[in-house]
């Protein structure tokens, strides 16, 4: 099923820190199935601000057992939607919300017997919370460790809830805070979650422990650091899952791709969406497949347009395409022919792309 926007009502807004709120949504009974989510997945919000169509994705922060659809939104400097969510949005308001998406998840059942390790930076804890709470509640044979980086105590999102979880699951949940701007008398817990710090934590705390799966969500340097440290330790890279937390729409737009002369084509592109076909003429060094389809009138799904989420994911049915960047698709998805259409350009004279596969 292709992702769909529906209008949902804001049920509750909770101030989590001085610059972050969590927002709970009411889902009508007829849409309950559409908004069933896997822990770690995200929702895309859409609203019109100052005449501009604004879309932003935020991860669900509730465990499956809580029966609540809630996301956390941290106010970012110059962030249009995050400022709106923190300062303007109120209980009872209606807002367009896309059905859940995302690959930052894993199968969890009462028979799951694994040791899970999580790294989170700042608001990157949001999908991690959904996963941790679901694992602790659902899988009694599993245990969880969270390494959580923030500027200081006052910036910890879900601080009280994390402490409650630690007390409730004393033998199953370990929590380590790392602060970049606050001294707490322990060098291991002071500094940025960069490669040097993660190497220190690995050597002091993690080495020799059984670790079955690693999840990391936060800034790009933290993600690369975790991947590098565990690769160098001989850990299976397929068991390291990551999700980038960033706002690519706030950065400078990328220049058009520098396509080698041998790959330059004037392509005939067919885009399939909900059984309908859109035909495009598209140069390999021109606009993205997503932008071209949107310009032609297709209601193609998208959110970040930065290669970070997978809202615009589609499958190449015929021909070839290349992506400028990819922070969202797993290696096996790329091998299976999936692309992020916001980053994709044709490199064959005929290209068929389907959002329906």
Protein backbone atom coordinates (compact mmCIF):
# COMPACT_ATOMS: atom_id res chain seq x y z
CA UNK A 1 0.00 0.00 0.00
CA UNK A 2 1.36 3.40 -0.97
CA UNK A 3 1.71 5.95 1.84
CA UNK A 4 -1.32 8.19 2.30
CA UNK A 5 -2.01 11.44 4.13
CA UNK A 6 -5.02 11.59 6.44
CA UNK A 7 -6.23 14.41 8.66
CA UNK A 8 -5.72 13.53 12.33
CA UNK A 9 -6.54 15.47 15.49
CA UNK A 10 -3.96 16.41 18.13
CA UNK A 11 -4.96 14.60 21.34
CA UNK A 12 -2.19 15.73 23.70
CA UNK A 13 0.98 17.85 23.75
CA UNK A 14 3.58 17.24 26.45
CA UNK A 15 6.59 19.47 27.15
CA UNK A 16 9.53 17.02 27.27
CA UNK A 17 12.35 19.58 27.58
CA UNK A 18 12.54 23.36 27.21
CA UNK A 19 12.94 22.92 23.44
CA UNK A 20 11.05 19.69 22.70
CA UNK A 21 7.44 18.52 22.85
CA UNK A 22 5.80 15.18 22.25
CA UNK A 23 2.53 15.14 20.32
CA UNK A 24 -0.12 12.41 20.61
CA UNK A 25 -2.64 11.92 17.81
CA UNK A 26 -6.16 10.56 17.72
CA UNK A 27 -6.64 7.89 15.06
CA UNK A 28 -10.25 7.23 13.99
CA UNK A 29 -11.36 3.59 14.17
CA UNK A 30 -11.65 3.31 10.41
CA UNK A 31 -7.95 4.25 10.06
CA UNK A 32 -6.57 2.08 12.88
CA UNK A 33 -5.10 -0.51 10.50
CA UNK A 34 -3.54 2.18 8.30
CA UNK A 35 -1.64 3.61 11.29
CA UNK A 36 -0.39 0.33 12.73
CA UNK A 37 3.36 0.82 12.96
CA UNK A 38 6.51 -1.14 13.65
CA UNK A 39 8.66 0.22 16.51
CA UNK A 40 11.24 2.59 15.05
CA UNK A 41 9.08 3.82 12.16
CA UNK A 42 8.17 7.46 11.51
CA UNK A 43 5.25 9.67 10.49
CA UNK A 44 5.39 12.49 7.96
CA UNK A 45 3.47 15.66 8.81
CA UNK A 46 2.26 18.16 6.22
CA UNK A 47 0.98 21.68 6.73
CA UNK A 48 0.95 25.02 4.93
CA UNK A 49 3.09 27.69 6.58
CA UNK A 50 3.28 31.14 5.01
CA UNK A 51 1.93 29.69 1.77
CA UNK A 52 4.56 26.94 1.60
CA UNK A 53 3.86 23.17 1.63
CA UNK A 54 5.98 22.01 4.59
CA UNK A 55 6.62 18.29 5.20
CA UNK A 56 8.67 16.86 8.05
CA UNK A 57 9.16 13.34 9.37
CA UNK A 58 9.20 12.44 13.08
CA UNK A 59 9.62 9.02 14.63
CA UNK A 60 6.98 7.39 16.79
CA UNK A 61 8.24 7.27 20.38
CA UNK A 62 5.69 4.92 21.92
CA UNK A 63 6.00 1.17 22.42
CA UNK A 64 3.41 -1.03 20.73
CA UNK A 65 1.90 -1.95 24.10
CA UNK A 66 1.03 1.70 24.86
CA UNK A 67 -1.67 1.86 22.18
CA UNK A 68 -0.83 5.49 21.48
CA UNK A 69 0.51 7.25 18.42
CA UNK A 70 2.96 9.87 19.70
CA UNK A 71 6.00 11.62 18.21
CA UNK A 72 8.60 13.98 19.68
CA UNK A 73 9.56 17.23 17.96
CA UNK A 74 12.66 19.16 19.00
CA UNK A 75 12.68 22.84 18.07
CA UNK A 76 15.51 23.52 15.63
CA UNK A 77 16.99 26.92 14.85
CA UNK A 78 15.21 28.27 11.75
CA UNK A 79 13.12 25.07 11.71
CA UNK A 80 9.74 26.06 10.27
CA UNK A 81 7.75 23.01 11.28
CA UNK A 82 9.55 22.31 14.55
CA UNK A 83 8.94 25.91 15.68
CA UNK A 84 5.29 25.64 14.62
CA UNK A 85 4.92 22.34 16.55
CA UNK A 86 6.53 23.75 19.70
CA UNK A 87 4.93 27.20 19.73
CA UNK A 88 1.70 27.18 17.70
CA UNK A 89 0.19 23.69 17.49
CA UNK A 90 -2.37 22.99 20.24
CA UNK A 91 -4.62 20.20 21.46
CA UNK A 92 -7.67 19.85 19.23
CA UNK A 93 -5.92 21.10 16.08
CA UNK A 94 -6.10 18.97 12.95
CA UNK A 95 -3.06 18.19 10.82
CA UNK A 96 -2.26 15.99 7.84
CA UNK A 97 -0.24 12.90 8.77
CA UNK A 98 1.11 10.24 6.44
CA UNK A 99 0.79 6.56 7.28
CA UNK A 100 3.87 5.05 9.03
CA UNK A 101 7.05 4.24 7.12
CA UNK A 102 10.69 3.36 7.78
CA UNK A 103 13.20 0.51 7.96
CA UNK A 104 14.76 1.35 11.34
CA UNK A 105 13.10 -1.60 13.03
CA UNK A 106 13.40 -5.30 13.80
CA UNK A 107 11.10 -8.23 14.51
CA UNK A 108 10.27 -8.45 18.22
CA UNK A 109 8.28 -11.26 19.85
CA UNK A 110 8.07 -12.94 23.24
CA UNK A 111 10.51 -15.58 21.92
CA UNK A 112 13.16 -13.00 20.91
CA UNK A 113 16.35 -13.75 22.86
CA UNK A 114 18.91 -11.09 21.96
CA UNK A 115 21.18 -8.44 23.42
CA UNK A 116 20.35 -5.08 21.83
CA UNK A 117 22.73 -2.12 21.88
CA UNK A 118 21.47 1.39 21.08
CA UNK A 119 23.37 4.63 20.45
CA UNK A 120 21.32 7.84 20.28
CA UNK A 121 22.19 11.50 19.95
CA UNK A 122 19.74 14.22 21.00
CA UNK A 123 16.33 13.77 19.38
CA UNK A 124 17.66 10.61 17.75
CA UNK A 125 16.39 8.87 20.88
CA UNK A 126 12.81 9.07 19.57
CA UNK A 127 12.67 5.88 17.44
CA UNK A 128 15.02 4.23 19.92
CA UNK A 129 12.43 4.75 22.68
CA UNK A 130 9.79 2.94 20.65
CA UNK A 131 12.13 0.00 20.07
CA UNK A 132 13.42 -0.16 23.65
CA UNK A 133 9.98 -0.02 25.27
CA UNK A 134 8.62 -2.67 22.91
CA UNK A 135 11.59 -4.99 23.51
CA UNK A 136 11.47 -4.62 27.30
CA UNK A 137 7.73 -5.23 27.44
CA UNK A 138 7.46 -7.95 24.79
CA UNK A 139 10.71 -9.97 24.91
CA UNK A 140 11.48 -11.15 28.49
CA UNK A 141 14.54 -13.11 27.30
CA UNK A 142 16.19 -10.03 25.75
CA UNK A 143 18.23 -7.20 27.28
CA UNK A 144 18.92 -3.62 26.21
CA UNK A 145 21.82 -1.16 26.56
CA UNK A 146 21.43 2.52 25.61
CA UNK A 147 24.33 4.97 25.16
CA UNK A 148 22.67 8.39 24.93
CA UNK A 149 24.51 11.60 24.00
CA UNK A 150 23.25 15.09 24.90
CA UNK A 151 24.58 18.52 25.79
CA UNK A 152 23.58 18.06 29.43
CA UNK A 153 20.94 16.77 31.85
CA UNK A 154 18.38 19.44 30.93
CA UNK A 155 18.50 18.40 27.28
CA UNK A 156 17.63 14.74 27.86
CA UNK A 157 14.36 13.98 26.09
CA UNK A 158 12.29 11.39 28.03
CA UNK A 159 14.63 11.73 31.05
CA UNK A 160 12.05 10.68 33.65
CA UNK A 161 10.70 7.91 31.46
CA UNK A 162 14.18 6.48 30.93
CA UNK A 163 14.80 6.48 34.68
CA UNK A 164 11.48 4.71 35.24
CA UNK A 165 12.42 2.06 32.67
CA UNK A 166 15.80 1.58 34.35
CA UNK A 167 14.11 1.03 37.71
CA UNK A 168 11.40 -1.20 36.29
CA UNK A 169 13.78 -3.40 34.28
CA UNK A 170 16.88 -3.33 36.48
CA UNK A 171 18.27 -6.61 35.15
CA UNK A 172 17.37 -6.01 31.52
CA UNK A 173 18.09 -2.34 30.80
CA UNK A 174 21.41 -0.50 31.11
CA UNK A 175 21.64 3.26 30.47
CA UNK A 176 24.74 5.44 30.02
CA UNK A 177 24.51 9.19 29.45
CA UNK A 178 27.29 11.07 27.63
CA UNK A 179 27.34 14.88 27.91
CA UNK A 180 29.23 17.23 25.62
CA UNK A 181 28.72 20.44 27.68
CA UNK A 182 28.38 19.19 31.24
CA UNK A 183 31.00 17.78 33.61
CA UNK A 184 29.89 14.90 35.84
CA UNK A 185 33.26 13.68 37.11
CA UNK A 186 33.58 10.70 34.79
CA UNK A 187 35.72 11.19 31.67
CA UNK A 188 34.05 8.25 29.93
CA UNK A 189 30.70 10.08 30.06
CA UNK A 190 32.01 13.47 28.92
CA UNK A 191 32.45 14.59 25.32
CA UNK A 192 30.88 14.06 21.92
CA UNK A 193 29.75 10.66 20.67
CA UNK A 194 32.54 10.63 18.06
CA UNK A 195 34.76 7.74 17.06
CA UNK A 196 37.27 8.35 19.83
CA UNK A 197 34.55 8.35 22.51
CA UNK A 198 32.81 5.29 21.10
CA UNK A 199 36.14 3.43 20.99
CA UNK A 200 36.64 4.32 24.67
CA UNK A 201 33.16 3.13 25.61
CA UNK A 202 33.59 -0.06 23.61
CA UNK A 203 36.91 -0.87 25.31
CA UNK A 204 35.68 0.00 28.81
CA UNK A 205 32.12 -1.31 28.79
CA UNK A 206 31.13 -3.28 25.71
CA UNK A 207 34.11 -5.41 24.72
CA UNK A 208 33.51 -9.05 25.56
CA UNK A 209 29.75 -8.60 25.94
CA UNK A 210 27.30 -10.50 23.76
CA UNK A 211 25.80 -8.02 21.27
CA UNK A 212 23.34 -9.34 18.71
CA UNK A 213 22.10 -6.12 17.08
CA UNK A 214 23.25 -2.50 17.13
CA UNK A 215 20.99 0.48 16.41
CA UNK A 216 22.28 4.04 16.04
CA UNK A 217 20.23 7.17 15.45
CA UNK A 218 21.64 10.68 15.51
CA UNK A 219 23.97 12.99 13.60
CA UNK A 220 25.91 11.59 10.64
CA UNK A 221 29.34 11.64 12.40
CA UNK A 222 27.96 9.47 15.21
CA UNK A 223 26.51 6.99 12.75
CA UNK A 224 29.80 6.67 10.85
CA UNK A 225 31.71 6.37 14.12
CA UNK A 226 29.55 3.49 15.38
CA UNK A 227 29.70 1.69 12.04
CA UNK A 228 33.49 2.07 11.87
CA UNK A 229 34.16 0.97 15.45
CA UNK A 230 32.03 -2.15 15.15
CA UNK A 231 33.37 -3.00 11.70
CA UNK A 232 36.91 -2.79 13.06
CA UNK A 233 35.83 -5.04 15.95
CA UNK A 234 34.70 -7.67 13.44
CA UNK A 235 30.97 -7.13 13.94
CA UNK A 236 28.65 -8.17 11.08
CA UNK A 237 27.72 -4.86 9.33
CA UNK A 238 24.28 -6.28 8.49
CA UNK A 239 23.51 -6.23 12.21
CA UNK A 240 24.26 -2.50 12.54
CA UNK A 241 21.10 -0.52 11.79
CA UNK A 242 21.13 3.25 11.45
CA UNK A 243 18.85 6.20 10.91
CA UNK A 244 20.14 9.69 10.20
CA UNK A 245 18.55 12.54 12.12
CA UNK A 246 19.07 15.76 10.22
CA UNK A 247 17.22 18.51 8.39
CA UNK A 248 18.55 18.41 4.85
CA UNK A 249 15.97 20.94 3.68
CA UNK A 250 17.69 23.53 5.85
CA UNK A 251 21.05 23.05 4.15
CA UNK A 252 22.14 24.56 0.86
CA UNK A 253 20.69 22.82 -2.19
CA UNK A 254 23.04 20.41 -3.91
CA UNK A 255 24.35 21.29 -7.37
CA UNK A 256 23.15 19.21 -10.29
CA UNK A 257 25.01 15.91 -10.50
CA UNK A 258 28.22 15.76 -12.48
CA UNK A 259 27.32 12.83 -14.72
CA UNK A 260 30.12 11.24 -16.79
CA UNK A 261 29.71 11.82 -20.52
CA UNK A 262 29.37 8.06 -21.03
CA UNK A 263 26.29 8.01 -18.79
CA UNK A 264 24.51 11.06 -20.15
CA UNK A 265 21.18 10.16 -21.77
CA UNK A 266 17.91 11.77 -22.78
CA UNK A 267 15.61 9.22 -21.22
CA UNK A 268 12.01 8.22 -21.68
CA UNK A 269 10.81 7.65 -18.13
CA UNK A 270 7.58 5.97 -17.10
CA UNK A 271 6.44 6.47 -13.49
CA UNK A 272 3.73 4.14 -12.16
CA UNK A 273 1.68 5.28 -9.15
CA UNK A 274 -1.61 3.72 -8.01
CA UNK A 275 -1.87 1.94 -11.36
CA UNK A 276 -1.64 5.21 -13.29
CA UNK A 277 1.27 5.98 -15.62
CA UNK A 278 3.11 9.28 -16.05
CA UNK A 279 5.44 9.63 -19.03
CA UNK A 280 8.45 11.94 -18.80
CA UNK A 281 11.35 13.09 -20.95
CA UNK A 282 14.25 13.47 -18.57
CA UNK A 283 17.95 14.20 -18.92
CA UNK A 284 20.35 12.21 -16.76
CA UNK A 285 21.91 15.41 -15.39
CA UNK A 286 18.59 17.22 -14.97
CA UNK A 287 16.04 17.25 -12.17
CA UNK A 288 15.32 14.21 -10.05
CA UNK A 289 12.70 11.64 -11.01
CA UNK A 290 10.58 12.78 -8.06
CA UNK A 291 10.67 16.46 -9.02
CA UNK A 292 9.96 15.69 -12.67
CA UNK A 293 6.98 13.47 -11.81
CA UNK A 294 5.65 16.06 -9.37
CA UNK A 295 6.01 18.82 -11.98
CA UNK A 296 4.03 16.64 -14.39
CA UNK A 297 1.14 16.54 -11.92
CA UNK A 298 1.70 13.20 -10.18
CA UNK A 299 0.92 13.15 -6.43
CA UNK A 300 4.16 11.36 -5.60
CA UNK A 301 4.93 10.72 -1.91
CA UNK A 302 7.88 12.57 -0.40
CA UNK A 303 9.09 14.18 2.79
CA UNK A 304 12.71 15.22 3.31
CA UNK A 305 13.97 15.34 -0.30
CA UNK A 306 17.43 14.79 1.15
CA UNK A 307 17.86 11.02 0.83
CA UNK A 308 17.34 10.62 4.58
CA UNK A 309 13.83 9.15 4.84
CA UNK A 310 12.44 6.51 2.49
CA UNK A 311 9.05 8.13 1.82
CA UNK A 312 9.79 8.49 -1.92
CA UNK A 313 11.06 4.92 -2.31
CA UNK A 314 10.17 3.22 -5.60
CA UNK A 315 11.38 0.24 -7.63
CA UNK A 316 13.16 0.25 -10.98
CA UNK A 317 11.16 -2.19 -13.10
CA UNK A 318 13.10 -1.61 -16.32
CA UNK A 319 16.30 0.26 -17.13
CA UNK A 320 18.81 1.85 -14.77
CA UNK A 321 18.96 4.85 -12.44
CA UNK A 322 21.62 6.33 -10.16
CA UNK A 323 21.25 8.13 -6.84
CA UNK A 324 23.18 11.19 -5.70
CA UNK A 325 23.03 10.14 -2.02
CA UNK A 326 21.34 7.37 -0.05
CA UNK A 327 21.00 7.44 3.73
CA UNK A 328 17.78 5.41 3.94
CA UNK A 329 17.84 2.26 1.83
CA UNK A 330 19.53 -0.92 3.01
CA UNK A 331 22.08 -2.58 0.75
CA UNK A 332 19.75 -5.47 -0.09
CA UNK A 333 17.01 -3.01 -1.08
CA UNK A 334 19.33 -1.27 -3.52
CA UNK A 335 20.36 -4.65 -4.94
CA UNK A 336 16.67 -5.48 -5.39
CA UNK A 337 16.24 -2.35 -7.54
CA UNK A 338 14.79 0.16 -5.10
CA UNK A 339 15.72 3.84 -5.36
CA UNK A 340 15.03 7.09 -3.56
CA UNK A 341 13.32 9.00 -6.34
CA UNK A 342 14.25 12.37 -4.80
CA UNK A 343 17.90 11.47 -5.45
CA UNK A 344 17.53 9.38 -8.63
CA UNK A 345 18.34 10.14 -12.27
CA UNK A 346 18.05 7.92 -15.36
CA UNK A 347 21.22 6.42 -16.86
CA UNK A 348 19.42 4.35 -19.50
CA UNK A 349 17.38 5.63 -22.44
CA UNK A 350 14.29 3.83 -21.15
CA UNK A 351 13.40 3.72 -17.47
CA UNK A 352 10.30 2.38 -15.74
CA UNK A 353 9.87 3.23 -12.05
CA UNK A 354 7.00 1.93 -9.93
CA UNK A 355 5.77 3.24 -6.58
CA UNK A 356 3.33 0.30 -6.48
CA UNK A 357 5.94 -2.47 -6.07
